[in-house]
N, C-alpha and C. Protein backbone atom coordinates (compact mmCIF):
# COMPACT_ATOMS: atom_id res chain seq x y z
N MET A 1 74.79 -10.57 40.15
CA MET A 1 74.03 -9.29 40.61
C MET A 1 74.90 -8.60 41.60
N THR A 2 75.03 -7.36 41.35
CA THR A 2 75.74 -6.57 42.37
C THR A 2 74.93 -6.29 43.52
N ARG A 3 75.59 -5.81 44.55
CA ARG A 3 74.86 -5.59 45.81
C ARG A 3 73.75 -4.43 45.67
N SER A 4 74.06 -3.47 44.90
CA SER A 4 73.21 -2.37 44.89
C SER A 4 71.95 -2.70 43.85
N THR A 5 72.17 -3.55 42.86
CA THR A 5 71.29 -4.04 41.99
C THR A 5 70.28 -5.00 42.85
N LEU A 6 70.84 -5.78 43.70
CA LEU A 6 70.01 -6.67 44.49
C LEU A 6 69.21 -5.85 45.52
N SER A 7 69.76 -4.81 46.11
CA SER A 7 69.16 -3.96 47.00
C SER A 7 67.87 -3.23 46.25
N LEU A 8 68.13 -2.74 45.11
CA LEU A 8 67.10 -2.05 44.36
C LEU A 8 66.00 -3.05 44.00
N ALA A 9 66.39 -4.29 43.64
CA ALA A 9 65.33 -5.26 43.29
C ALA A 9 64.56 -5.65 44.62
N SER A 10 65.20 -5.68 45.63
CA SER A 10 64.38 -6.05 46.94
C SER A 10 63.41 -4.85 47.23
N LEU A 11 63.89 -3.57 47.08
CA LEU A 11 63.03 -2.50 47.24
C LEU A 11 61.85 -2.40 46.33
N ALA A 12 62.11 -2.82 45.11
CA ALA A 12 61.02 -2.90 44.12
C ALA A 12 59.93 -3.91 44.40
N VAL A 13 60.36 -5.10 44.86
CA VAL A 13 59.55 -6.22 45.35
C VAL A 13 58.66 -5.68 46.47
N LEU A 14 59.34 -5.17 47.40
CA LEU A 14 58.60 -4.67 48.59
C LEU A 14 57.61 -3.58 48.22
N ALA A 15 57.93 -2.60 47.38
CA ALA A 15 56.96 -1.57 46.95
C ALA A 15 55.88 -2.12 46.17
N THR A 16 56.09 -3.17 45.35
CA THR A 16 55.02 -3.75 44.59
C THR A 16 54.01 -4.50 45.51
N ALA A 17 54.50 -5.17 46.57
CA ALA A 17 53.72 -5.87 47.53
C ALA A 17 52.72 -4.88 48.20
N PHE A 18 53.19 -3.65 48.57
CA PHE A 18 52.46 -2.80 49.29
C PHE A 18 51.42 -2.04 48.40
N LEU A 19 51.95 -1.71 47.15
CA LEU A 19 51.07 -1.00 46.18
C LEU A 19 49.93 -1.79 45.72
N THR A 20 50.10 -3.05 45.55
CA THR A 20 48.98 -3.92 45.17
C THR A 20 48.26 -4.72 46.36
N GLY A 21 48.30 -4.05 47.49
CA GLY A 21 47.74 -4.68 48.73
C GLY A 21 46.24 -4.97 48.76
N CYS A 22 45.79 -5.45 49.84
CA CYS A 22 44.37 -5.85 49.87
C CYS A 22 43.22 -4.73 50.13
N GLY A 23 43.79 -3.63 50.60
CA GLY A 23 42.89 -2.43 50.87
C GLY A 23 42.18 -1.91 49.61
N PRO A 24 41.10 -1.12 49.98
CA PRO A 24 40.31 -0.62 48.89
C PRO A 24 40.99 0.56 48.20
N ASP A 25 42.07 1.19 48.81
CA ASP A 25 42.72 2.33 48.20
C ASP A 25 44.08 1.86 47.60
N ASN A 26 44.29 0.73 47.06
CA ASN A 26 45.50 0.34 46.47
C ASN A 26 45.75 0.80 45.12
N LEU A 27 46.87 0.60 44.53
CA LEU A 27 47.27 1.13 43.25
C LEU A 27 46.23 0.74 42.14
N VAL A 28 45.74 -0.54 42.12
CA VAL A 28 44.95 -0.96 41.10
C VAL A 28 43.56 -0.15 41.08
N GLN A 29 42.93 0.04 42.37
CA GLN A 29 41.65 0.77 42.41
C GLN A 29 41.89 2.23 41.97
N GLY A 30 43.02 2.80 42.39
CA GLY A 30 43.32 4.21 42.05
C GLY A 30 43.34 4.33 40.56
N LEU A 31 43.84 3.40 39.87
CA LEU A 31 43.98 3.57 38.37
C LEU A 31 42.67 3.44 37.61
N ARG A 32 41.58 2.96 38.30
CA ARG A 32 40.26 2.78 37.66
C ARG A 32 39.52 4.14 37.46
N ASN A 33 39.82 5.16 38.48
CA ASN A 33 39.16 6.47 38.25
C ASN A 33 40.02 7.37 37.47
N PRO A 34 39.58 7.85 36.34
CA PRO A 34 40.45 8.70 35.42
C PRO A 34 41.06 9.92 36.15
N LEU A 35 40.30 10.56 37.02
CA LEU A 35 40.84 11.75 37.70
C LEU A 35 41.88 11.35 38.65
N ALA A 36 41.69 10.22 39.38
CA ALA A 36 42.59 9.80 40.49
C ALA A 36 43.86 9.19 39.72
N SER A 37 43.69 8.70 38.57
CA SER A 37 44.89 8.05 37.95
C SER A 37 46.04 8.90 37.79
N ILE A 38 45.89 10.20 37.47
CA ILE A 38 47.05 11.11 37.35
C ILE A 38 47.73 11.27 38.69
N GLY A 39 46.95 11.52 39.77
CA GLY A 39 47.60 11.61 41.02
C GLY A 39 48.17 10.43 41.47
N THR A 40 47.51 9.26 41.19
CA THR A 40 48.18 7.91 41.61
C THR A 40 49.47 7.67 40.94
N LEU A 41 49.49 7.97 39.58
CA LEU A 41 50.73 7.77 38.84
C LEU A 41 51.83 8.66 39.29
N LEU A 42 51.48 9.85 39.49
CA LEU A 42 52.49 10.86 40.03
C LEU A 42 53.02 10.37 41.33
N TRP A 43 52.19 9.91 42.30
CA TRP A 43 52.67 9.43 43.55
C TRP A 43 53.52 8.22 43.32
N VAL A 44 53.19 7.35 42.48
CA VAL A 44 53.98 6.12 42.26
C VAL A 44 55.37 6.57 41.67
N VAL A 45 55.33 7.48 40.75
CA VAL A 45 56.66 7.86 40.10
C VAL A 45 57.57 8.48 41.13
N LEU A 46 56.98 9.35 41.98
CA LEU A 46 57.73 10.03 42.99
C LEU A 46 58.29 9.09 43.96
N SER A 47 57.37 8.14 44.42
CA SER A 47 57.86 7.18 45.37
C SER A 47 59.00 6.24 44.82
N VAL A 48 58.82 5.81 43.59
CA VAL A 48 59.91 5.01 43.03
C VAL A 48 61.23 5.82 42.88
N MET A 49 61.04 7.10 42.54
CA MET A 49 62.32 7.87 42.39
C MET A 49 62.92 8.08 43.73
N ALA A 50 62.12 8.24 44.79
CA ALA A 50 62.62 8.40 46.23
C ALA A 50 63.35 7.01 46.46
N LEU A 51 62.79 5.87 46.31
CA LEU A 51 63.41 4.62 46.62
C LEU A 51 64.67 4.43 45.74
N VAL A 52 64.68 4.77 44.59
CA VAL A 52 66.02 4.59 43.68
C VAL A 52 66.99 5.60 44.30
N ASP A 53 66.62 6.79 44.60
CA ASP A 53 67.64 7.74 45.21
C ASP A 53 68.07 7.26 46.58
N LEU A 54 67.19 6.58 47.33
CA LEU A 54 67.64 6.01 48.55
C LEU A 54 68.53 4.97 48.38
N SER A 55 68.20 4.00 47.47
CA SER A 55 69.23 2.91 47.20
C SER A 55 70.62 3.37 46.80
N LYS A 56 70.71 4.52 46.13
CA LYS A 56 72.01 4.98 45.65
C LYS A 56 72.74 5.80 46.71
N SER A 57 72.07 6.15 47.74
CA SER A 57 72.64 6.98 48.86
C SER A 57 73.73 6.23 49.64
N THR A 58 74.56 7.02 50.38
CA THR A 58 75.64 6.42 51.10
C THR A 58 75.19 6.08 52.56
N ARG A 59 73.92 6.05 52.88
CA ARG A 59 73.55 5.72 54.19
C ARG A 59 73.73 4.21 54.50
N ASP A 60 73.71 4.02 55.75
CA ASP A 60 73.89 2.55 56.17
C ASP A 60 72.66 1.88 56.00
N GLY A 61 72.75 0.44 56.03
CA GLY A 61 71.65 -0.33 55.63
C GLY A 61 70.45 -0.17 56.45
N THR A 62 70.62 0.05 57.80
CA THR A 62 69.39 0.27 58.72
C THR A 62 68.72 1.45 58.43
N SER A 63 69.48 2.50 58.09
CA SER A 63 68.77 3.83 57.66
C SER A 63 67.96 3.64 56.40
N LYS A 64 68.59 3.07 55.46
CA LYS A 64 67.85 2.85 54.22
C LYS A 64 66.71 2.07 54.34
N PHE A 65 66.71 0.99 55.24
CA PHE A 65 65.49 0.08 55.41
C PHE A 65 64.42 0.93 56.11
N ILE A 66 64.74 1.74 57.12
CA ILE A 66 63.67 2.48 57.79
C ILE A 66 63.08 3.53 56.84
N TRP A 67 63.85 4.25 56.06
CA TRP A 67 63.40 5.23 55.10
C TRP A 67 62.54 4.57 54.08
N ALA A 68 62.92 3.35 53.57
CA ALA A 68 62.10 2.61 52.58
C ALA A 68 60.74 2.28 53.15
N LEU A 69 60.79 1.79 54.47
CA LEU A 69 59.43 1.58 55.16
C LEU A 69 58.63 2.79 55.30
N VAL A 70 59.20 3.92 55.56
CA VAL A 70 58.40 5.11 55.69
C VAL A 70 57.87 5.54 54.43
N ILE A 71 58.64 5.50 53.25
CA ILE A 71 58.14 5.76 51.97
C ILE A 71 57.05 4.90 51.47
N ILE A 72 57.13 3.61 51.82
CA ILE A 72 56.15 2.71 51.29
C ILE A 72 54.92 2.60 52.10
N VAL A 73 55.07 2.63 53.53
CA VAL A 73 53.93 2.34 54.45
C VAL A 73 53.13 3.69 54.53
N MET A 74 53.69 4.83 54.49
CA MET A 74 52.94 6.00 54.67
C MET A 74 52.92 6.63 53.27
N PRO A 75 51.99 6.34 52.45
CA PRO A 75 51.92 6.78 51.07
C PRO A 75 52.44 8.10 50.72
N PHE A 76 51.55 9.05 50.98
CA PHE A 76 51.96 10.48 50.48
C PHE A 76 52.96 11.13 51.44
N VAL A 77 52.61 11.02 52.78
CA VAL A 77 53.44 11.59 53.86
C VAL A 77 54.97 11.09 53.80
N GLY A 78 55.08 9.78 53.58
CA GLY A 78 56.41 9.20 53.58
C GLY A 78 57.27 9.74 52.49
N THR A 79 56.75 9.88 51.32
CA THR A 79 57.53 10.45 50.13
C THR A 79 57.89 11.86 50.39
N ILE A 80 56.94 12.66 50.92
CA ILE A 80 57.16 14.01 51.25
C ILE A 80 58.21 14.25 52.33
N LEU A 81 58.11 13.34 53.43
CA LEU A 81 59.18 13.44 54.42
C LEU A 81 60.45 13.08 53.95
N TYR A 82 60.55 12.10 52.99
CA TYR A 82 61.91 11.76 52.55
C TYR A 82 62.56 12.89 51.72
N TYR A 83 61.78 13.57 50.96
CA TYR A 83 62.30 14.68 50.01
C TYR A 83 62.57 15.93 50.84
N THR A 84 61.91 16.06 51.94
CA THR A 84 62.13 17.30 52.78
C THR A 84 63.19 17.05 53.94
N ILE A 85 63.14 15.88 54.54
CA ILE A 85 63.99 15.62 55.64
C ILE A 85 65.07 14.68 55.31
N GLY A 86 64.72 13.48 54.68
CA GLY A 86 65.63 12.36 54.41
C GLY A 86 66.79 12.59 53.51
N LYS A 87 66.60 13.47 52.51
CA LYS A 87 67.68 13.77 51.56
C LYS A 87 68.73 14.64 52.21
N LYS A 88 68.40 15.36 53.23
CA LYS A 88 69.35 16.28 53.99
C LYS A 88 70.31 15.43 54.83
N GLY A 89 69.84 14.31 55.32
CA GLY A 89 70.66 13.50 56.30
C GLY A 89 71.70 12.62 55.70
């Protein structure tokens, strides 16, 4: 495995752990409501795209890790922050 593939796999595992967390508003619960399903899937797709873009960027490892945490831990706000502020840096 190359380093970028390993990095992307690590981000995917971390994202999966947070998305299927213990709280009542996790990914699985969001998919049960048909109206919320579209928003949830859109959020997941945008978050995964942001994580993939982040893994391919030329940032240093610490910056990538911090942005990955922001994207994953702060669901909607983190993804929006990355696309508005993070891609510029």
